[in-house]
N, C-alpha and C. Protein backbone atom coordinates (compact mmCIF):
# COMPACT_ATOMS: atom_id res chain seq x y z
N MET A 1 73.41 99.64 113.51
CA MET A 1 74.10 99.52 112.24
C MET A 1 74.77 100.89 111.91
N ALA A 2 76.01 100.86 111.50
CA ALA A 2 76.76 102.06 111.18
C ALA A 2 76.22 102.69 109.92
N ILE A 3 76.23 104.01 109.88
CA ILE A 3 75.79 104.72 108.71
C ILE A 3 76.99 104.81 107.76
N THR A 4 76.78 104.50 106.51
CA THR A 4 77.83 104.56 105.51
C THR A 4 77.51 105.67 104.53
N LYS A 5 78.54 106.21 103.92
CA LYS A 5 78.42 107.26 102.95
C LYS A 5 78.98 106.79 101.62
N PRO A 6 78.35 107.15 100.52
CA PRO A 6 78.87 106.74 99.22
C PRO A 6 80.10 107.58 98.85
N VAL A 7 80.97 106.97 98.07
CA VAL A 7 82.17 107.62 97.54
C VAL A 7 82.25 107.37 96.09
N SER A 8 82.56 108.40 95.32
CA SER A 8 82.70 108.23 93.87
C SER A 8 84.15 108.07 93.54
N VAL A 9 84.45 107.04 92.70
CA VAL A 9 85.83 106.75 92.34
C VAL A 9 85.90 106.61 90.82
N ARG A 10 86.88 107.25 90.20
CA ARG A 10 87.05 107.15 88.75
C ARG A 10 88.14 106.09 88.51
N LEU A 11 87.80 105.12 87.69
CA LEU A 11 88.75 104.03 87.41
C LEU A 11 89.06 104.07 85.91
N SER A 12 90.27 103.62 85.57
CA SER A 12 90.62 103.49 84.17
C SER A 12 89.76 102.37 83.60
N PRO A 13 89.53 102.40 82.30
CA PRO A 13 88.74 101.33 81.68
C PRO A 13 89.28 99.94 81.97
N ASP A 14 90.63 99.80 81.99
CA ASP A 14 91.22 98.52 82.27
C ASP A 14 90.94 98.02 83.68
N VAL A 15 91.11 98.90 84.66
CA VAL A 15 90.84 98.53 86.06
C VAL A 15 89.36 98.22 86.24
N GLU A 16 88.51 99.03 85.66
CA GLU A 16 87.09 98.76 85.76
C GLU A 16 86.70 97.40 85.16
N LYS A 17 87.28 97.07 84.04
CA LYS A 17 87.04 95.79 83.39
C LYS A 17 87.50 94.65 84.30
N ARG A 18 88.69 94.76 84.86
CA ARG A 18 89.23 93.72 85.73
C ARG A 18 88.37 93.56 87.00
N LEU A 19 87.96 94.71 87.57
CA LEU A 19 87.14 94.70 88.76
C LEU A 19 85.81 93.98 88.52
N HIS A 20 85.16 94.31 87.42
CA HIS A 20 83.87 93.68 87.13
C HIS A 20 84.04 92.21 86.76
N ALA A 21 85.14 91.86 86.13
CA ALA A 21 85.39 90.44 85.82
C ALA A 21 85.56 89.65 87.10
N LEU A 22 86.33 90.23 88.05
CA LEU A 22 86.51 89.57 89.35
C LEU A 22 85.18 89.44 90.07
N ALA A 23 84.40 90.48 90.07
CA ALA A 23 83.12 90.41 90.75
C ALA A 23 82.23 89.34 90.13
N GLU A 24 82.18 89.30 88.81
CA GLU A 24 81.35 88.31 88.13
C GLU A 24 81.84 86.87 88.39
N ALA A 25 83.17 86.70 88.39
CA ALA A 25 83.72 85.38 88.58
C ALA A 25 83.50 84.85 90.00
N THR A 26 83.39 85.74 90.97
CA THR A 26 83.27 85.30 92.35
C THR A 26 81.89 85.46 92.92
N GLY A 27 80.98 86.10 92.19
CA GLY A 27 79.64 86.29 92.69
C GLY A 27 79.51 87.39 93.71
N ARG A 28 80.51 88.19 93.80
CA ARG A 28 80.49 89.36 94.70
C ARG A 28 80.28 90.60 93.88
N THR A 29 80.03 91.73 94.56
CA THR A 29 79.88 92.98 93.84
C THR A 29 81.19 93.72 93.67
N ALA A 30 81.25 94.59 92.68
CA ALA A 30 82.44 95.42 92.52
C ALA A 30 82.61 96.29 93.75
N THR A 31 81.53 96.76 94.35
CA THR A 31 81.59 97.59 95.56
C THR A 31 82.27 96.81 96.69
N PHE A 32 81.98 95.52 96.81
CA PHE A 32 82.60 94.69 97.84
C PHE A 32 84.14 94.77 97.69
N TYR A 33 84.64 94.62 96.48
CA TYR A 33 86.08 94.61 96.24
C TYR A 33 86.72 95.99 96.40
N VAL A 34 86.02 97.05 96.06
CA VAL A 34 86.55 98.38 96.27
C VAL A 34 86.67 98.63 97.77
N LYS A 35 85.63 98.31 98.54
CA LYS A 35 85.70 98.47 100.00
C LYS A 35 86.82 97.63 100.59
N GLU A 36 86.93 96.39 100.14
CA GLU A 36 87.95 95.48 100.62
C GLU A 36 89.37 96.05 100.37
N ALA A 37 89.58 96.58 99.17
CA ALA A 37 90.90 97.11 98.83
C ALA A 37 91.21 98.34 99.73
N ILE A 38 90.24 99.18 99.97
CA ILE A 38 90.47 100.34 100.83
C ILE A 38 90.75 99.89 102.26
N GLU A 39 89.96 99.00 102.77
CA GLU A 39 90.14 98.54 104.15
C GLU A 39 91.51 97.86 104.36
N VAL A 40 91.91 97.10 103.37
CA VAL A 40 93.21 96.34 103.49
C VAL A 40 94.40 97.27 103.38
N HIS A 41 94.31 98.28 102.55
CA HIS A 41 95.50 99.13 102.26
C HIS A 41 95.50 100.49 102.94
N LEU A 42 94.41 100.91 103.56
CA LEU A 42 94.37 102.22 104.13
C LEU A 42 95.42 102.43 105.23
N GLU A 43 95.58 101.50 106.11
CA GLU A 43 96.58 101.64 107.19
C GLU A 43 97.99 101.74 106.61
N GLU A 44 98.28 100.95 105.58
CA GLU A 44 99.58 100.99 104.92
C GLU A 44 99.83 102.38 104.34
N LEU A 45 98.84 102.94 103.68
CA LEU A 45 98.95 104.26 103.10
C LEU A 45 99.14 105.35 104.15
N GLU A 46 98.37 105.25 105.23
CA GLU A 46 98.50 106.21 106.29
C GLU A 46 99.92 106.19 106.87
N GLU A 47 100.44 105.02 107.08
CA GLU A 47 101.78 104.86 107.64
C GLU A 47 102.85 105.41 106.67
N ARG A 48 102.68 105.15 105.39
CA ARG A 48 103.64 105.61 104.40
C ARG A 48 103.70 107.16 104.39
N TYR A 49 102.51 107.79 104.41
CA TYR A 49 102.50 109.26 104.35
C TYR A 49 102.92 109.87 105.67
N TRP A 50 102.67 109.21 106.77
CA TRP A 50 103.19 109.65 108.08
C TRP A 50 104.72 109.61 108.05
N ALA A 51 105.30 108.52 107.54
CA ALA A 51 106.74 108.37 107.49
C ALA A 51 107.34 109.45 106.57
N ASP A 52 106.73 109.71 105.45
CA ASP A 52 107.21 110.77 104.54
C ASP A 52 107.23 112.13 105.26
N LYS A 53 106.20 112.38 106.06
CA LYS A 53 106.14 113.64 106.79
C LYS A 53 107.26 113.74 107.84
N VAL A 54 107.53 112.63 108.52
CA VAL A 54 108.58 112.62 109.54
C VAL A 54 109.93 112.84 108.88
N VAL A 55 110.20 112.18 107.77
CA VAL A 55 111.44 112.33 107.06
C VAL A 55 111.61 113.79 106.61
N ALA A 56 110.57 114.37 106.02
CA ALA A 56 110.65 115.77 105.58
C ALA A 56 110.93 116.69 106.75
N ARG A 57 110.29 116.45 107.88
CA ARG A 57 110.52 117.29 109.07
C ARG A 57 112.00 117.16 109.50
N TRP A 58 112.53 115.93 109.48
CA TRP A 58 113.96 115.75 109.84
C TRP A 58 114.88 116.47 108.87
N GLU A 59 114.62 116.32 107.58
CA GLU A 59 115.46 116.91 106.58
C GLU A 59 115.42 118.45 106.66
N ASN A 60 114.35 119.05 107.12
CA ASN A 60 114.25 120.46 107.23
C ASN A 60 114.71 121.01 108.58
N SER A 61 115.16 120.13 109.46
CA SER A 61 115.66 120.55 110.75
C SER A 61 117.15 120.75 110.70
N ASP A 62 117.70 121.27 111.79
CA ASP A 62 119.16 121.46 111.83
C ASP A 62 119.82 120.36 112.64
N GLN A 63 119.11 119.27 112.87
CA GLN A 63 119.68 118.17 113.64
C GLN A 63 120.72 117.44 112.83
N LYS A 64 121.73 116.94 113.51
CA LYS A 64 122.81 116.22 112.85
C LYS A 64 122.58 114.70 113.02
N THR A 65 123.01 113.97 112.05
CA THR A 65 122.94 112.51 112.13
C THR A 65 124.20 111.99 112.78
N ARG A 66 124.07 110.80 113.34
CA ARG A 66 125.21 110.09 113.94
C ARG A 66 125.14 108.63 113.57
N PRO A 67 126.25 107.94 113.57
CA PRO A 67 126.21 106.50 113.27
C PRO A 67 125.37 105.79 114.31
N ALA A 68 124.69 104.74 113.89
CA ALA A 68 123.87 103.97 114.80
C ALA A 68 124.70 103.34 115.89
N SER A 69 125.95 103.00 115.60
CA SER A 69 126.80 102.39 116.64
C SER A 69 126.97 103.33 117.84
N GLU A 70 127.05 104.64 117.60
CA GLU A 70 127.16 105.61 118.70
C GLU A 70 125.88 105.63 119.53
N LEU A 71 124.74 105.59 118.85
CA LEU A 71 123.45 105.59 119.56
C LEU A 71 123.32 104.33 120.40
N TRP A 72 123.64 103.19 119.86
CA TRP A 72 123.55 101.94 120.60
C TRP A 72 124.50 101.95 121.79
N ALA A 73 125.70 102.52 121.61
CA ALA A 73 126.66 102.60 122.72
C ALA A 73 126.08 103.39 123.85
N GLU A 74 125.36 104.48 123.56
CA GLU A 74 124.73 105.28 124.62
C GLU A 74 123.67 104.52 125.37
N LEU A 75 122.93 103.70 124.65
CA LEU A 75 121.86 102.95 125.24
C LEU A 75 122.37 101.80 126.12
N ASN A 76 123.52 101.29 125.81
CA ASN A 76 124.09 100.15 126.52
C ASN A 76 125.07 100.57 127.62
N LEU A 77 124.79 101.69 128.26
CA LEU A 77 125.73 102.20 129.31
C LEU A 77 125.86 101.22 130.40
């Protein structure tokens, strides 16, 4: 069995109320839904911040942009 570690999360009163209402309505725990939300969205968040980093690196470089049609023409030699 994997060892898990607790994480403390501060929620707004509205989000906490909604979370507990969902848990009560479904017979699951609030912890279940917090873990589910993290597991479902973590990869999306990682990708978004990776992409932001790549864009920032490009913007800070001296590389020039070219139209996509030129790039495609090079690939279709």
